[in-house]
Amino acid sequence: MSDVNPESAQTSATLLEGPRVRQTTFGQDVWRRFRRNRLAVAGAMVVLLLVACALLARILAPYDPLLVQLEKQFSPPSAAHPFGTDVYGRDIFSRVLFGARISLLIGLIPSAISMLIGTIVGVLAGFQGGWLDTLLMRLSDVVMAFPSIILAMVVTYTLGASLFTLFIALSVVGWAGAARVVRAQTLSLKERDFVTAARAIGVTRSGTMFRHIVPNCLAPIIVLLTLGIPSAIMAEAGLSFLGVGAQPPTPSWGLMVNEAQQYVFSAPWASILPGVAILITVLAFNFVGDGLRDALDPYLKGKL
């Protein structure tokens, strides 16, 4: 009877088993792909910095953003006023910090409401089909047929210019695109085996939609949300610039640009610096949205 070398047996078993594949969760895969996108990581850091500045505005701001000091009208940037002052002598740096609160709220809340409405409409249209699908999609066509800024202006003119009206206006104009994306995703998912199995074991139609369809639509919904935030921020800035958004003396970036536009040559800092804040914020959210879109794409799993 021949002796068997234990080490040789173990080596042979390893060769037969093949290379071991490291098991990772979906979240780990998404984070690994996201952090390899340098622009997305940089954008995320800028977003976190903006959130911190908004939360700590009362601590970081050297002056009250509403404090009027006419004797300091259009003071250039200095140690006392890093961003200078505006036509009323208000500190622009303090107003930019407090304006971050408004821009982030306007970006997050209406975008989240739009995604919620769009998700419900898209799932109902795609899963139910028939006359309900036709009705909801024609309604979304009507909303998308109007330029979003014009439709938002109509809403604000009708209800009156205020921040609350801005929330309503931006929520109304943003859901149609999300509804179409979710509907397309639902049409694909409802033919999958797990949906058929859920219905076969007696799960209700509403349970199938919101327990099985919606969770599998979260990836495009998250991407749409992150890409919708900069659009909402730009829309708020545009509406405030046109005078139908935030009203004086609210420290809104768009309103600050509007108030200083006629002094762009004599006091350029009063309009340029709030505009730069809008630019940096929009770029940061766009980079994060692009990074999430790539990270959540299952077809890129083997490439990154």
Protein backbone atom coordinates (compact mmCIF):
# COMPACT_ATOMS: atom_id res chain seq x y z
CA MET A 1 0.00 0.00 0.00
CA SER A 2 1.59 3.29 -1.19
CA ASP A 3 1.90 6.37 0.97
CA VAL A 4 0.07 9.53 -0.12
CA ASN A 5 1.76 12.89 0.41
CA PRO A 6 -0.74 15.17 2.24
CA GLU A 7 0.73 18.31 0.65
CA SER A 8 0.36 16.89 -2.85
CA ALA A 9 -3.23 15.90 -2.14
CA GLN A 10 -4.04 19.39 -0.86
CA THR A 11 -2.42 20.99 -3.93
CA SER A 12 -4.40 18.76 -6.26
CA ALA A 13 -7.64 19.59 -4.46
CA THR A 14 -6.88 23.31 -4.78
CA LEU A 15 -6.23 22.97 -8.50
CA LEU A 16 -9.49 21.08 -8.94
CA GLU A 17 -11.45 23.72 -7.02
CA GLY A 18 -10.00 26.54 -9.12
CA PRO A 19 -9.16 30.05 -7.94
CA ARG A 20 -11.23 31.36 -5.08
CA VAL A 21 -13.36 34.38 -5.94
CA ARG A 22 -13.68 36.99 -3.25
CA GLN A 23 -17.33 37.55 -2.44
CA THR A 24 -18.40 41.18 -2.09
CA THR A 25 -21.75 42.79 -1.38
CA PHE A 26 -23.55 45.08 -3.82
CA GLY A 27 -22.77 48.10 -1.66
CA GLN A 28 -19.06 47.25 -1.62
CA ASP A 29 -19.04 46.91 -5.40
CA VAL A 30 -20.77 50.28 -5.81
CA TRP A 31 -18.36 52.00 -3.42
CA ARG A 32 -15.32 50.43 -5.14
CA ARG A 33 -16.45 51.64 -8.55
CA PHE A 34 -17.48 55.06 -7.24
CA ARG A 35 -14.19 55.82 -5.49
CA ARG A 36 -12.24 55.05 -8.67
CA ASN A 37 -13.96 58.03 -10.31
CA ARG A 38 -11.84 60.92 -9.08
CA LEU A 39 -14.24 63.61 -10.25
CA ALA A 40 -17.11 61.91 -8.43
CA VAL A 41 -15.09 61.67 -5.21
CA ALA A 42 -14.05 65.32 -5.52
CA GLY A 43 -17.68 66.27 -6.13
CA ALA A 44 -18.79 64.31 -3.07
CA MET A 45 -16.20 66.11 -0.93
CA VAL A 46 -17.42 69.49 -2.19
CA VAL A 47 -21.05 68.50 -1.47
CA LEU A 48 -20.12 67.47 2.08
CA LEU A 49 -18.28 70.76 2.54
CA LEU A 50 -21.34 72.68 1.32
CA VAL A 51 -23.59 70.76 3.70
CA ALA A 52 -21.22 71.51 6.59
CA CYS A 53 -21.14 75.22 5.67
CA ALA A 54 -24.94 75.31 5.49
CA LEU A 55 -25.36 73.60 8.86
CA LEU A 56 -22.71 75.75 10.54
CA ALA A 57 -23.60 79.02 8.80
CA ARG A 58 -24.46 80.78 12.07
CA ILE A 59 -21.06 79.86 13.47
CA LEU A 60 -18.98 80.48 10.35
CA ALA A 61 -20.66 83.69 9.17
CA PRO A 62 -18.83 86.74 10.55
CA TYR A 63 -21.93 88.97 10.20
CA ASP A 64 -25.69 88.79 10.19
CA PRO A 65 -26.63 88.23 6.51
CA LEU A 66 -29.44 90.79 6.84
CA LEU A 67 -27.34 93.47 8.56
CA VAL A 68 -27.49 96.69 6.51
CA GLN A 69 -24.45 99.03 6.70
CA LEU A 70 -24.91 101.67 4.05
CA GLU A 71 -21.60 103.32 4.96
CA LYS A 72 -19.86 100.14 3.74
CA GLN A 73 -21.66 99.96 0.40
CA PHE A 74 -19.68 97.96 -2.17
CA SER A 75 -16.59 97.55 -0.03
CA PRO A 76 -14.10 95.40 -1.99
CA PRO A 77 -12.95 92.03 -0.63
CA SER A 78 -10.77 92.48 2.45
CA ALA A 79 -9.84 90.79 5.71
CA ALA A 80 -12.98 92.20 7.33
CA HIS A 81 -15.21 91.21 4.40
CA PRO A 82 -13.62 88.29 2.46
CA PHE A 83 -16.17 88.52 -0.39
CA GLY A 84 -16.81 92.27 -0.08
CA THR A 85 -20.18 93.89 0.53
CA ASP A 86 -23.26 94.52 -1.64
CA VAL A 87 -25.31 97.61 -2.48
CA TYR A 88 -26.72 97.71 1.06
CA GLY A 89 -23.38 97.10 2.77
CA ARG A 90 -24.30 93.51 3.70
CA ASP A 91 -21.45 91.03 3.99
CA ILE A 92 -21.50 88.83 0.86
CA PHE A 93 -19.55 85.97 2.47
CA SER A 94 -22.17 85.65 5.21
CA ARG A 95 -24.97 85.80 2.66
CA VAL A 96 -23.30 83.12 0.52
CA LEU A 97 -23.03 80.81 3.55
CA PHE A 98 -26.70 81.27 4.44
CA GLY A 99 -27.63 81.03 0.77
CA ALA A 100 -26.19 77.51 0.75
CA ARG A 101 -29.04 76.47 3.05
CA ILE A 102 -31.65 77.68 0.59
CA SER A 103 -29.92 76.18 -2.44
CA LEU A 104 -29.47 72.78 -0.81
CA LEU A 105 -33.05 72.70 0.47
CA ILE A 106 -34.38 73.79 -2.92
CA GLY A 107 -32.22 71.14 -4.56
CA LEU A 108 -33.06 68.25 -2.22
CA ILE A 109 -36.71 68.60 -1.23
CA PRO A 110 -38.35 69.36 -4.62
CA SER A 111 -36.13 66.76 -6.30
CA ALA A 112 -37.13 64.14 -3.72
CA ILE A 113 -40.82 65.03 -4.13
CA SER A 114 -40.48 64.85 -7.91
CA MET A 115 -38.82 61.44 -7.69
CA LEU A 116 -41.57 60.19 -5.37
CA ILE A 117 -44.33 61.38 -7.71
CA GLY A 118 -42.47 60.12 -10.78
CA THR A 119 -41.85 56.72 -9.19
CA ILE A 120 -45.50 56.21 -8.25
CA VAL A 121 -46.74 57.37 -11.66
CA GLY A 122 -44.14 55.32 -13.57
CA VAL A 123 -44.77 52.11 -11.63
CA LEU A 124 -48.54 52.43 -11.96
CA ALA A 125 -48.32 53.17 -15.68
CA GLY A 126 -45.85 50.40 -16.46
CA PHE A 127 -47.38 47.68 -14.29
CA GLN A 128 -51.09 48.34 -14.83
CA GLY A 129 -50.90 49.26 -18.51
CA GLY A 130 -54.04 49.88 -20.55
CA TRP A 131 -55.99 53.12 -20.25
CA LEU A 132 -54.19 54.14 -17.04
CA ASP A 133 -50.81 53.91 -18.79
CA THR A 134 -52.10 55.99 -21.69
CA LEU A 135 -53.62 58.63 -19.41
CA LEU A 136 -50.55 59.02 -17.18
CA MET A 137 -48.08 59.12 -20.08
CA ARG A 138 -50.14 61.72 -21.97
CA LEU A 139 -50.22 63.79 -18.80
CA SER A 140 -46.44 63.54 -18.54
CA ASP A 141 -46.20 64.56 -22.22
CA VAL A 142 -48.19 67.70 -21.46
CA VAL A 143 -45.87 68.58 -18.54
CA MET A 144 -42.74 67.91 -20.61
CA ALA A 145 -44.08 69.93 -23.55
CA PHE A 146 -43.70 73.16 -21.55
CA PRO A 147 -40.23 74.53 -20.82
CA SER A 148 -39.67 73.81 -17.13
CA ILE A 149 -38.64 77.37 -16.27
CA ILE A 150 -41.80 78.77 -17.95
CA LEU A 151 -44.06 76.28 -16.17
CA ALA A 152 -42.41 77.08 -12.84
CA MET A 153 -42.91 80.80 -13.49
CA VAL A 154 -46.60 80.20 -14.19
CA VAL A 155 -46.97 78.37 -10.87
CA THR A 156 -45.11 81.04 -8.90
CA TYR A 157 -47.08 83.86 -10.54
CA THR A 158 -50.33 82.04 -9.77
CA LEU A 159 -49.54 81.20 -6.14
CA GLY A 160 -47.32 84.17 -5.35
CA ALA A 161 -43.54 84.41 -5.16
CA SER A 162 -42.12 82.76 -2.03
CA LEU A 163 -39.83 79.89 -1.06
CA PHE A 164 -42.82 77.63 -0.38
CA THR A 165 -44.14 78.37 -3.86
CA LEU A 166 -40.73 77.47 -5.27
CA PHE A 167 -40.95 74.07 -3.60
CA ILE A 168 -44.33 73.47 -5.24
CA ALA A 169 -43.29 74.80 -8.65
CA LEU A 170 -40.09 72.77 -8.90
CA SER A 171 -41.86 69.63 -7.67
CA VAL A 172 -44.55 70.03 -10.33
CA VAL A 173 -42.15 70.40 -13.25
CA GLY A 174 -39.69 67.63 -12.37
CA TRP A 175 -41.71 64.41 -12.07
CA ALA A 176 -42.52 63.69 -15.73
CA GLY A 177 -39.02 62.67 -16.79
CA ALA A 178 -38.64 60.40 -13.76
CA ALA A 179 -42.01 58.79 -14.49
CA ARG A 180 -40.91 57.81 -18.00
CA VAL A 181 -37.66 56.27 -16.77
CA VAL A 182 -39.39 54.28 -14.00
CA ARG A 183 -42.11 53.14 -16.41
CA ALA A 184 -39.52 51.77 -18.82
CA GLN A 185 -37.78 49.97 -15.96
CA THR A 186 -41.10 48.57 -14.72
CA LEU A 187 -42.01 47.22 -18.17
CA SER A 188 -38.76 45.27 -18.14
CA LEU A 189 -39.02 44.05 -14.54
CA LYS A 190 -42.62 42.85 -14.62
CA GLU A 191 -41.67 40.10 -17.09
CA ARG A 192 -38.95 38.74 -14.80
CA ASP A 193 -39.28 35.39 -13.03
CA PHE A 194 -39.30 36.82 -9.50
CA VAL A 195 -42.36 38.96 -10.32
CA THR A 196 -44.13 35.99 -11.88
CA ALA A 197 -43.31 33.89 -8.79
CA ALA A 198 -44.59 36.63 -6.46
CA ARG A 199 -47.90 36.78 -8.28
CA ALA A 200 -48.13 32.98 -8.40
CA ILE A 201 -47.92 32.69 -4.60
CA GLY A 202 -50.72 35.22 -4.15
CA VAL A 203 -48.94 38.54 -3.62
CA THR A 204 -51.33 41.38 -4.41
CA ARG A 205 -50.74 43.73 -7.34
CA SER A 206 -49.90 46.62 -5.02
CA GLY A 207 -47.58 44.38 -3.00
CA THR A 208 -45.84 43.23 -6.18
CA MET A 209 -45.38 46.82 -7.36
CA PHE A 210 -44.06 48.34 -4.16
CA ARG A 211 -42.26 45.34 -2.61
CA HIS A 212 -40.65 43.86 -5.71
CA ILE A 213 -40.72 46.38 -8.58
CA VAL A 214 -39.86 49.63 -6.77
CA PRO A 215 -36.79 48.28 -4.87
CA ASN A 216 -35.33 47.13 -8.20
CA CYS A 217 -35.86 50.61 -9.64
CA LEU A 218 -33.85 52.32 -6.90
CA ALA A 219 -30.60 52.53 -8.89
CA PRO A 220 -31.98 54.75 -11.70
CA ILE A 221 -34.09 56.68 -9.16
CA ILE A 222 -30.98 57.53 -7.10
CA VAL A 223 -29.14 58.64 -10.23
CA LEU A 224 -32.09 60.77 -11.34
CA LEU A 225 -32.25 62.33 -7.88
CA THR A 226 -28.58 63.32 -7.84
CA LEU A 227 -28.81 64.70 -11.39
CA GLY A 228 -32.07 66.50 -10.58
CA ILE A 229 -30.61 68.40 -7.63
CA PRO A 230 -28.35 70.68 -9.73
CA SER A 231 -31.23 71.29 -12.14
CA ALA A 232 -33.42 72.40 -9.24
CA ILE A 233 -30.65 74.65 -7.90
CA MET A 234 -30.24 76.26 -11.31
CA ALA A 235 -34.00 76.68 -11.65
CA GLU A 236 -34.20 78.36 -8.23
CA ALA A 237 -31.33 80.67 -9.14
CA GLY A 238 -32.98 81.51 -12.45
CA LEU A 239 -36.39 82.18 -10.91
CA SER A 240 -34.85 84.30 -8.13
CA PHE A 241 -32.83 86.19 -10.76
CA LEU A 242 -36.07 86.92 -12.63
CA GLY A 243 -37.72 88.12 -9.41
CA VAL A 244 -40.28 85.32 -9.06
CA GLY A 245 -38.34 83.15 -6.63
CA ALA A 246 -36.94 84.07 -3.24
CA GLN A 247 -37.81 87.62 -2.26
CA PRO A 248 -35.55 90.26 -0.65
CA PRO A 249 -33.88 90.30 1.79
CA THR A 250 -33.58 86.47 1.64
CA PRO A 251 -29.91 85.48 1.09
CA SER A 252 -30.50 83.51 -2.13
CA TRP A 253 -27.62 83.14 -4.59
CA GLY A 254 -29.82 83.87 -7.61
CA LEU A 255 -31.34 86.90 -5.91
CA MET A 256 -27.86 88.16 -4.99
CA VAL A 257 -26.80 87.97 -8.64
CA ASN A 258 -29.99 89.77 -9.68
CA GLU A 259 -29.48 92.60 -7.19
CA ALA A 260 -25.88 93.16 -8.28
CA GLN A 261 -26.23 92.73 -12.06
CA GLN A 262 -26.39 96.47 -12.78
CA TYR A 263 -23.16 97.00 -10.81
CA VAL A 264 -21.19 94.25 -12.54
CA PHE A 265 -18.53 96.67 -13.81
CA SER A 266 -18.21 98.89 -10.74
CA ALA A 267 -18.46 96.07 -8.14
CA PRO A 268 -17.96 92.76 -9.97
CA TRP A 269 -17.47 90.74 -6.77
CA ALA A 270 -21.08 91.32 -5.74
CA SER A 271 -22.42 89.26 -8.67
CA ILE A 272 -19.47 87.05 -9.64
CA LEU A 273 -18.89 85.37 -6.26
CA PRO A 274 -22.51 84.19 -5.74
CA GLY A 275 -22.43 83.01 -9.36
CA VAL A 276 -19.24 81.04 -8.66
CA ALA A 277 -20.99 79.42 -5.67
CA ILE A 278 -23.82 78.30 -7.98
CA LEU A 279 -21.32 76.99 -10.53
CA ILE A 280 -19.30 74.97 -7.99
CA THR A 281 -22.43 73.49 -6.40
CA VAL A 282 -23.96 72.44 -9.72
CA LEU A 283 -20.70 70.92 -10.95
CA ALA A 284 -20.21 69.00 -7.70
CA PHE A 285 -23.67 67.42 -7.84
CA ASN A 286 -23.26 66.63 -11.54
CA PHE A 287 -19.97 64.84 -10.85
CA VAL A 288 -21.58 62.84 -8.03
CA GLY A 289 -24.53 61.95 -10.26
CA ASP A 290 -22.26 60.79 -13.08
CA GLY A 291 -20.20 58.74 -10.64
CA LEU A 292 -23.28 57.06 -9.16
CA ARG A 293 -24.66 56.34 -12.62
CA ASP A 294 -21.48 54.49 -13.53
CA ALA A 295 -21.14 52.78 -10.14
CA LEU A 296 -24.71 51.50 -10.15
CA ASP A 297 -24.51 50.19 -13.71
CA PRO A 298 -24.34 46.38 -13.41
CA TYR A 299 -22.81 46.06 -16.90
CA LEU A 300 -19.68 47.84 -15.68
CA LYS A 301 -19.06 45.38 -12.85
CA GLY A 302 -16.56 43.36 -14.81
CA LYS A 303 -14.85 46.41 -16.32
CA LEU A 304 -14.02 48.41 -13.18
